[in-house]
Amino acid sequence: NAVSGYSGGGKALIARFEDETNIAFRAYG
């Protein structure tokens, strides 16, 4: 079980988290 800062997803995910400020948690994989 692992959790990371959003920078690990590259520019697209960084932009998503910084634009959609209501995201608190994202499960994937």
PDB file of all heavy atoms in Angstrom:
ATOM      1  N   ASN A   1       0.865  -1.170   0.000  1.00  0.00           N
ATOM      2  CA  ASN A   1       0.000   0.000   0.000  1.00  0.00           C
ATOM      3  C   ASN A   1       0.906   1.226   0.000  1.00  0.00           C
ATOM      4  O   ASN A   1       1.807   1.333   0.836  1.00  0.00           O
ATOM      5  CB  ASN A   1      -0.904   0.013   1.237  1.00  0.00           C
ATOM      6  CG  ASN A   1      -1.723  -1.257   1.354  1.00  0.00           C
ATOM      7  OD1 ASN A   1      -2.414  -1.642   0.416  1.00  0.00           O
ATOM      8  ND2 ASN A   1      -1.621  -1.938   2.489  1.00  0.00           N
ATOM      9  N   ALA A   2       0.674   2.137  -0.933  1.00  0.00           N
ATOM     10  CA  ALA A   2       1.603   3.260  -1.047  1.00  0.00           C
ATOM     11  C   ALA A   2       0.876   4.530  -1.448  1.00  0.00           C
ATOM     12  O   ALA A   2      -0.124   4.491  -2.174  1.00  0.00           O
ATOM     13  CB  ALA A   2       2.691   2.939  -2.068  1.00  0.00           C
ATOM     14  N   VAL A   3       1.405   5.642  -0.977  1.00  0.00           N
ATOM     15  CA  VAL A   3       0.853   6.952  -1.310  1.00  0.00           C
ATOM     16  C   VAL A   3       1.995   7.880  -1.688  1.00  0.00           C
ATOM     17  O   VAL A   3       3.069   7.841  -1.081  1.00  0.00           O
ATOM     18  CB  VAL A   3       0.030   7.525  -0.139  1.00  0.00           C
ATOM     19  CG1 VAL A   3       0.893   7.734   1.093  1.00  0.00           C
ATOM     20  CG2 VAL A   3      -0.674   8.810  -0.526  1.00  0.00           C
ATOM     21  N   SER A   4       1.771   8.696  -2.726  1.00  0.00           N
ATOM     22  CA  SER A   4       2.809   9.572  -3.237  1.00  0.00           C
ATOM     23  C   SER A   4       2.277  10.985  -3.421  1.00  0.00           C
ATOM     24  O   SER A   4       1.080  11.197  -3.621  1.00  0.00           O
ATOM     25  CB  SER A   4       3.310   9.054  -4.594  1.00  0.00           C
ATOM     26  OG  SER A   4       4.212   9.968  -5.200  1.00  0.00           O
ATOM     27  N   GLY A   5       3.190  11.939  -3.417  1.00  0.00           N
ATOM     28  CA  GLY A   5       2.861  13.282  -3.848  1.00  0.00           C
ATOM     29  C   GLY A   5       2.574  13.283  -5.343  1.00  0.00           C
ATOM     30  O   GLY A   5       3.060  12.432  -6.092  1.00  0.00           O
ATOM     31  N   TYR A   6       1.823  14.266  -5.801  1.00  0.00           N
ATOM     32  CA  TYR A   6       1.348  14.245  -7.181  1.00  0.00           C
ATOM     33  C   TYR A   6       2.431  14.536  -8.213  1.00  0.00           C
ATOM     34  O   TYR A   6       2.243  14.308  -9.409  1.00  0.00           O
ATOM     35  CB  TYR A   6       0.160  15.186  -7.376  1.00  0.00           C
ATOM     36  CG  TYR A   6       0.354  16.627  -6.974  1.00  0.00           C
ATOM     37  CD1 TYR A   6       1.100  17.507  -7.755  1.00  0.00           C
ATOM     38  CD2 TYR A   6      -0.248  17.121  -5.818  1.00  0.00           C
ATOM     39  CE1 TYR A   6       1.252  18.834  -7.386  1.00  0.00           C
ATOM     40  CE2 TYR A   6      -0.098  18.461  -5.445  1.00  0.00           C
ATOM     41  CZ  TYR A   6       0.651  19.314  -6.234  1.00  0.00           C
ATOM     42  OH  TYR A   6       0.795  20.632  -5.873  1.00  0.00           O
ATOM     43  N   SER A   7       3.580  15.009  -7.786  1.00  0.00           N
ATOM     44  CA  SER A   7       4.656  15.278  -8.738  1.00  0.00           C
ATOM     45  C   SER A   7       5.138  14.013  -9.431  1.00  0.00           C
ATOM     46  O   SER A   7       5.717  14.079 -10.518  1.00  0.00           O
ATOM     47  CB  SER A   7       5.832  15.949  -8.032  1.00  0.00           C
ATOM     48  OG  SER A   7       6.287  15.145  -6.956  1.00  0.00           O
ATOM     49  N   GLY A   8       4.889  12.851  -8.822  1.00  0.00           N
ATOM     50  CA  GLY A   8       5.309  11.597  -9.430  1.00  0.00           C
ATOM     51  C   GLY A   8       4.599  11.292 -10.732  1.00  0.00           C
ATOM     52  O   GLY A   8       5.068  10.468 -11.520  1.00  0.00           O
ATOM     53  N   GLY A   9       3.472  11.952 -10.978  1.00  0.00           N
ATOM     54  CA  GLY A   9       2.722  11.711 -12.209  1.00  0.00           C
ATOM     55  C   GLY A   9       3.118  12.604 -13.362  1.00  0.00           C
ATOM     56  O   GLY A   9       2.495  12.560 -14.426  1.00  0.00           O
ATOM     57  N   GLY A  10       4.140  13.436 -13.179  1.00  0.00           N
ATOM     58  CA  GLY A  10       4.593  14.297 -14.251  1.00  0.00           C
ATOM     59  C   GLY A  10       3.738  15.543 -14.420  1.00  0.00           C
ATOM     60  O   GLY A  10       2.856  15.843 -13.616  1.00  0.00           O
ATOM     61  N   LYS A  11       4.005  16.280 -15.508  1.00  0.00           N
ATOM     62  CA  LYS A  11       3.392  17.591 -15.703  1.00  0.00           C
ATOM     63  C   LYS A  11       1.865  17.527 -15.756  1.00  0.00           C
ATOM     64  O   LYS A  11       1.176  18.412 -15.248  1.00  0.00           O
ATOM     65  CB  LYS A  11       3.941  18.240 -16.968  1.00  0.00           C
ATOM     66  CG  LYS A  11       5.393  18.682 -16.848  1.00  0.00           C
ATOM     67  CD  LYS A  11       5.867  19.392 -18.094  1.00  0.00           C
ATOM     68  CE  LYS A  11       7.293  19.903 -17.928  1.00  0.00           C
ATOM     69  NZ  LYS A  11       7.765  20.593 -19.161  1.00  0.00           N
ATOM     70  N   ALA A  12       1.308  16.483 -16.389  1.00  0.00           N
ATOM     71  CA  ALA A  12      -0.144  16.404 -16.540  1.00  0.00           C
ATOM     72  C   ALA A  12      -0.828  16.258 -15.184  1.00  0.00           C
ATOM     73  O   ALA A  12      -1.828  16.936 -14.904  1.00  0.00           O
ATOM     74  CB  ALA A  12      -0.518  15.248 -17.458  1.00  0.00           C
ATOM     75  N   LEU A  13      -0.302  15.375 -14.341  1.00  0.00           N
ATOM     76  CA  LEU A  13      -0.930  15.176 -13.034  1.00  0.00           C
ATOM     77  C   LEU A  13      -0.684  16.375 -12.124  1.00  0.00           C
ATOM     78  O   LEU A  13      -1.560  16.752 -11.332  1.00  0.00           O
ATOM     79  CB  LEU A  13      -0.406  13.892 -12.380  1.00  0.00           C
ATOM     80  CG  LEU A  13      -1.184  13.451 -11.137  1.00  0.00           C
ATOM     81  CD1 LEU A  13      -2.639  13.145 -11.474  1.00  0.00           C
ATOM     82  CD2 LEU A  13      -0.525  12.230 -10.494  1.00  0.00           C
ATOM     83  N   ILE A  14       0.486  16.991 -12.223  1.00  0.00           N
ATOM     84  CA  ILE A  14       0.754  18.198 -11.436  1.00  0.00           C
ATOM     85  C   ILE A  14      -0.279  19.272 -11.781  1.00  0.00           C
ATOM     86  O   ILE A  14      -0.879  19.888 -10.898  1.00  0.00           O
ATOM     87  CB  ILE A  14       2.180  18.712 -11.701  1.00  0.00           C
ATOM     88  CG1 ILE A  14       3.221  17.733 -11.127  1.00  0.00           C
ATOM     89  CG2 ILE A  14       2.377  20.096 -11.092  1.00  0.00           C
ATOM     90  CD1 ILE A  14       4.648  18.054 -11.521  1.00  0.00           C
ATOM     91  N   ALA A  15      -0.505  19.454 -13.075  1.00  0.00           N
ATOM     92  CA  ALA A  15      -1.483  20.460 -13.508  1.00  0.00           C
ATOM     93  C   ALA A  15      -2.881  20.112 -13.023  1.00  0.00           C
ATOM     94  O   ALA A  15      -3.649  20.995 -12.607  1.00  0.00           O
ATOM     95  CB  ALA A  15      -1.466  20.578 -15.029  1.00  0.00           C
ATOM     96  N   ARG A  16      -3.233  18.838 -13.067  1.00  0.00           N
ATOM     97  CA  ARG A  16      -4.574  18.430 -12.632  1.00  0.00           C
ATOM     98  C   ARG A  16      -4.790  18.729 -11.154  1.00  0.00           C
ATOM     99  O   ARG A  16      -5.818  19.277 -10.763  1.00  0.00           O
ATOM    100  CB  ARG A  16      -4.785  16.941 -12.904  1.00  0.00           C
ATOM    101  CG  ARG A  16      -6.178  16.451 -12.526  1.00  0.00           C
ATOM    102  CD  ARG A  16      -6.352  14.981 -12.802  1.00  0.00           C
ATOM    103  NE  ARG A  16      -7.677  14.542 -12.365  1.00  0.00           N
ATOM    104  CZ  ARG A  16      -8.020  13.265 -12.246  1.00  0.00           C
ATOM    105  NH1 ARG A  16      -7.165  12.304 -12.549  1.00  0.00           N
ATOM    106  NH2 ARG A  16      -9.236  12.945 -11.836  1.00  0.00           N
ATOM    107  N   PHE A  17      -3.812  18.375 -10.325  1.00  0.00           N
ATOM    108  CA  PHE A  17      -3.967  18.618  -8.893  1.00  0.00           C
ATOM    109  C   PHE A  17      -3.963  20.109  -8.570  1.00  0.00           C
ATOM    110  O   PHE A  17      -4.653  20.544  -7.644  1.00  0.00           O
ATOM    111  CB  PHE A  17      -2.865  17.901  -8.110  1.00  0.00           C
ATOM    112  CG  PHE A  17      -3.279  16.548  -7.600  1.00  0.00           C
ATOM    113  CD1 PHE A  17      -3.247  15.437  -8.424  1.00  0.00           C
ATOM    114  CD2 PHE A  17      -3.726  16.381  -6.301  1.00  0.00           C
ATOM    115  CE1 PHE A  17      -3.624  14.188  -7.965  1.00  0.00           C
ATOM    116  CE2 PHE A  17      -4.119  15.137  -5.830  1.00  0.00           C
ATOM    117  CZ  PHE A  17      -4.072  14.040  -6.655  1.00  0.00           C
ATOM    118  N   GLU A  18      -3.208  20.876  -9.325  1.00  0.00           N
ATOM    119  CA  GLU A  18      -3.148  22.305  -9.041  1.00  0.00           C
ATOM    120  C   GLU A  18      -4.339  23.057  -9.611  1.00  0.00           C
ATOM    121  O   GLU A  18      -4.707  24.118  -9.110  1.00  0.00           O
ATOM    122  CB  GLU A  18      -1.827  22.870  -9.557  1.00  0.00           C
ATOM    123  CG  GLU A  18      -0.641  22.302  -8.767  1.00  0.00           C
ATOM    124  CD  GLU A  18       0.709  22.839  -9.210  1.00  0.00           C
ATOM    125  OE1 GLU A  18       0.763  23.501 -10.271  1.00  0.00           O
ATOM    126  OE2 GLU A  18       1.712  22.592  -8.505  1.00  0.00           O
ATOM    127  N   ASP A  19      -4.969  22.483 -10.645  1.00  0.00           N
ATOM    128  CA  ASP A  19      -6.168  23.114 -11.218  1.00  0.00           C
ATOM    129  C   ASP A  19      -7.439  22.663 -10.508  1.00  0.00           C
ATOM    130  O   ASP A  19      -8.322  23.472 -10.217  1.00  0.00           O
ATOM    131  CB  ASP A  19      -6.278  22.797 -12.713  1.00  0.00           C
ATOM    132  CG  ASP A  19      -5.179  23.458 -13.528  1.00  0.00           C
ATOM    133  OD1 ASP A  19      -4.563  24.409 -13.015  1.00  0.00           O
ATOM    134  OD2 ASP A  19      -4.930  23.000 -14.654  1.00  0.00           O
ATOM    135  N   GLU A  20      -7.538  21.352 -10.243  1.00  0.00           N
ATOM    136  CA  GLU A  20      -8.719  20.809  -9.554  1.00  0.00           C
ATOM    137  C   GLU A  20      -8.396  20.749  -8.062  1.00  0.00           C
ATOM    138  O   GLU A  20      -8.063  19.697  -7.523  1.00  0.00           O
ATOM    139  CB  GLU A  20      -9.071  19.423 -10.096  1.00  0.00           C
ATOM    140  CG  GLU A  20      -9.373  19.390 -11.588  1.00  0.00           C
ATOM    141  CD  GLU A  20      -9.674  17.985 -12.072  1.00  0.00           C
ATOM    142  OE1 GLU A  20     -10.398  17.235 -11.375  1.00  0.00           O
ATOM    143  OE2 GLU A  20      -9.166  17.629 -13.159  1.00  0.00           O
ATOM    144  N   THR A  21      -8.533  21.856  -7.405  1.00  0.00           N
ATOM    145  CA  THR A  21      -8.059  21.976  -6.021  1.00  0.00           C
ATOM    146  C   THR A  21      -8.900  21.194  -5.016  1.00  0.00           C
ATOM    147  O   THR A  21      -8.538  21.125  -3.845  1.00  0.00           O
ATOM    148  CB  THR A  21      -8.023  23.451  -5.601  1.00  0.00           C
ATOM    149  OG1 THR A  21      -9.328  24.025  -5.781  1.00  0.00           O
ATOM    150  CG2 THR A  21      -7.020  24.228  -6.448  1.00  0.00           C
ATOM    151  N   ASN A  22      -9.983  20.590  -5.456  1.00  0.00           N
ATOM    152  CA  ASN A  22     -10.821  19.812  -4.539  1.00  0.00           C
ATOM    153  C   ASN A  22     -10.392  18.350  -4.439  1.00  0.00           C
ATOM    154  O   ASN A  22     -10.960  17.580  -3.671  1.00  0.00           O
ATOM    155  CB  ASN A  22     -12.298  19.888  -4.971  1.00  0.00           C
ATOM    156  CG  ASN A  22     -13.245  19.471  -3.853  1.00  0.00           C
ATOM    157  OD1 ASN A  22     -13.000  19.769  -2.687  1.00  0.00           O
ATOM    158  ND2 ASN A  22     -14.315  18.782  -4.205  1.00  0.00           N
ATOM    159  N   ILE A  23      -9.405  17.930  -5.214  1.00  0.00           N
ATOM    160  CA  ILE A  23      -8.923  16.548  -5.131  1.00  0.00           C
ATOM    161  C   ILE A  23      -8.099  16.381  -3.855  1.00  0.00           C
ATOM    162  O   ILE A  23      -7.114  17.092  -3.643  1.00  0.00           O
ATOM    163  CB  ILE A  23      -8.057  16.163  -6.341  1.00  0.00           C
ATOM    164  CG1 ILE A  23      -8.850  16.283  -7.639  1.00  0.00           C
ATOM    165  CG2 ILE A  23      -7.533  14.734  -6.185  1.00  0.00           C
ATOM    166  CD1 ILE A  23      -8.017  16.015  -8.879  1.00  0.00           C
ATOM    167  N   ALA A  24      -8.483  15.421  -3.022  1.00  0.00           N
ATOM    168  CA  ALA A  24      -7.738  15.138  -1.796  1.00  0.00           C
ATOM    169  C   ALA A  24      -6.964  13.832  -1.901  1.00  0.00           C
ATOM    170  O   ALA A  24      -5.893  13.682  -1.305  1.00  0.00           O
ATOM    171  CB  ALA A  24      -8.689  15.077  -0.604  1.00  0.00           C
ATOM    172  N   PHE A  25      -7.494  12.873  -2.664  1.00  0.00           N
ATOM    173  CA  PHE A  25      -6.915  11.526  -2.716  1.00  0.00           C
ATOM    174  C   PHE A  25      -7.263  10.920  -4.063  1.00  0.00           C
ATOM    175  O   PHE A  25      -8.388  11.050  -4.542  1.00  0.00           O
ATOM    176  CB  PHE A  25      -7.486  10.673  -1.580  1.00  0.00           C
ATOM    177  CG  PHE A  25      -7.006   9.245  -1.553  1.00  0.00           C
ATOM    178  CD1 PHE A  25      -5.849   8.899  -0.886  1.00  0.00           C
ATOM    179  CD2 PHE A  25      -7.720   8.239  -2.191  1.00  0.00           C
ATOM    180  CE1 PHE A  25      -5.411   7.573  -0.846  1.00  0.00           C
ATOM    181  CE2 PHE A  25      -7.296   6.918  -2.166  1.00  0.00           C
ATOM    182  CZ  PHE A  25      -6.128   6.593  -1.492  1.00  0.00           C
ATOM    183  N   ARG A  26      -6.297  10.245  -4.678  1.00  0.00           N
ATOM    184  CA  ARG A  26      -6.513   9.596  -5.963  1.00  0.00           C
ATOM    185  C   ARG A  26      -5.941   8.190  -5.910  1.00  0.00           C
ATOM    186  O   ARG A  26      -4.733   8.010  -5.776  1.00  0.00           O
ATOM    187  CB  ARG A  26      -5.840  10.389  -7.089  1.00  0.00           C
ATOM    188  CG  ARG A  26      -5.861   9.701  -8.457  1.00  0.00           C
ATOM    189  CD  ARG A  26      -5.124  10.544  -9.493  1.00  0.00           C
ATOM    190  NE  ARG A  26      -5.095   9.914 -10.795  1.00  0.00           N
ATOM    191  CZ  ARG A  26      -4.042   9.261 -11.321  1.00  0.00           C
ATOM    192  NH1 ARG A  26      -2.921   9.146 -10.614  1.00  0.00           N
ATOM    193  NH2 ARG A  26      -4.092   8.731 -12.518  1.00  0.00           N
ATOM    194  N   ALA A  27      -6.803   7.201  -5.992  1.00  0.00           N
ATOM    195  CA  ALA A  27      -6.362   5.806  -6.108  1.00  0.00           C
ATOM    196  C   ALA A  27      -6.289   5.455  -7.586  1.00  0.00           C
ATOM    197  O   ALA A  27      -7.148   5.844  -8.377  1.00  0.00           O
ATOM    198  CB  ALA A  27      -7.339   4.877  -5.390  1.00  0.00           C
ATOM    199  N   TYR A  28      -5.268   4.726  -7.969  1.00  0.00           N
ATOM    200  CA  TYR A  28      -5.136   4.333  -9.380  1.00  0.00           C
ATOM    201  C   TYR A  28      -4.453   2.972  -9.448  1.00  0.00           C
ATOM    202  O   TYR A  28      -4.245   2.310  -8.432  1.00  0.00           O
ATOM    203  CB  TYR A  28      -4.388   5.396 -10.175  1.00  0.00           C
ATOM    204  CG  TYR A  28      -2.904   5.518  -9.858  1.00  0.00           C
ATOM    205  CD1 TYR A  28      -1.943   5.042 -10.738  1.00  0.00           C
ATOM    206  CD2 TYR A  28      -2.469   6.135  -8.690  1.00  0.00           C
ATOM    207  CE1 TYR A  28      -0.592   5.165 -10.465  1.00  0.00           C
ATOM    208  CE2 TYR A  28      -1.122   6.263  -8.413  1.00  0.00           C
ATOM    209  CZ  TYR A  28      -0.188   5.781  -9.297  1.00  0.00           C
ATOM    210  OH  TYR A  28       1.146   5.897  -9.012  1.00  0.00           O
ATOM    211  N   GLY A  29      -4.131   2.525 -10.645  1.00  0.00           N
ATOM    212  CA  GLY A  29      -3.582   1.175 -10.810  1.00  0.00           C
ATOM    213  C   GLY A  29      -4.598   0.108 -10.460  1.00  0.00           C
ATOM    214  O   GLY A  29      -4.240  -0.989 -10.022  1.00  0.00           O
TER     215      GLY A  29
END
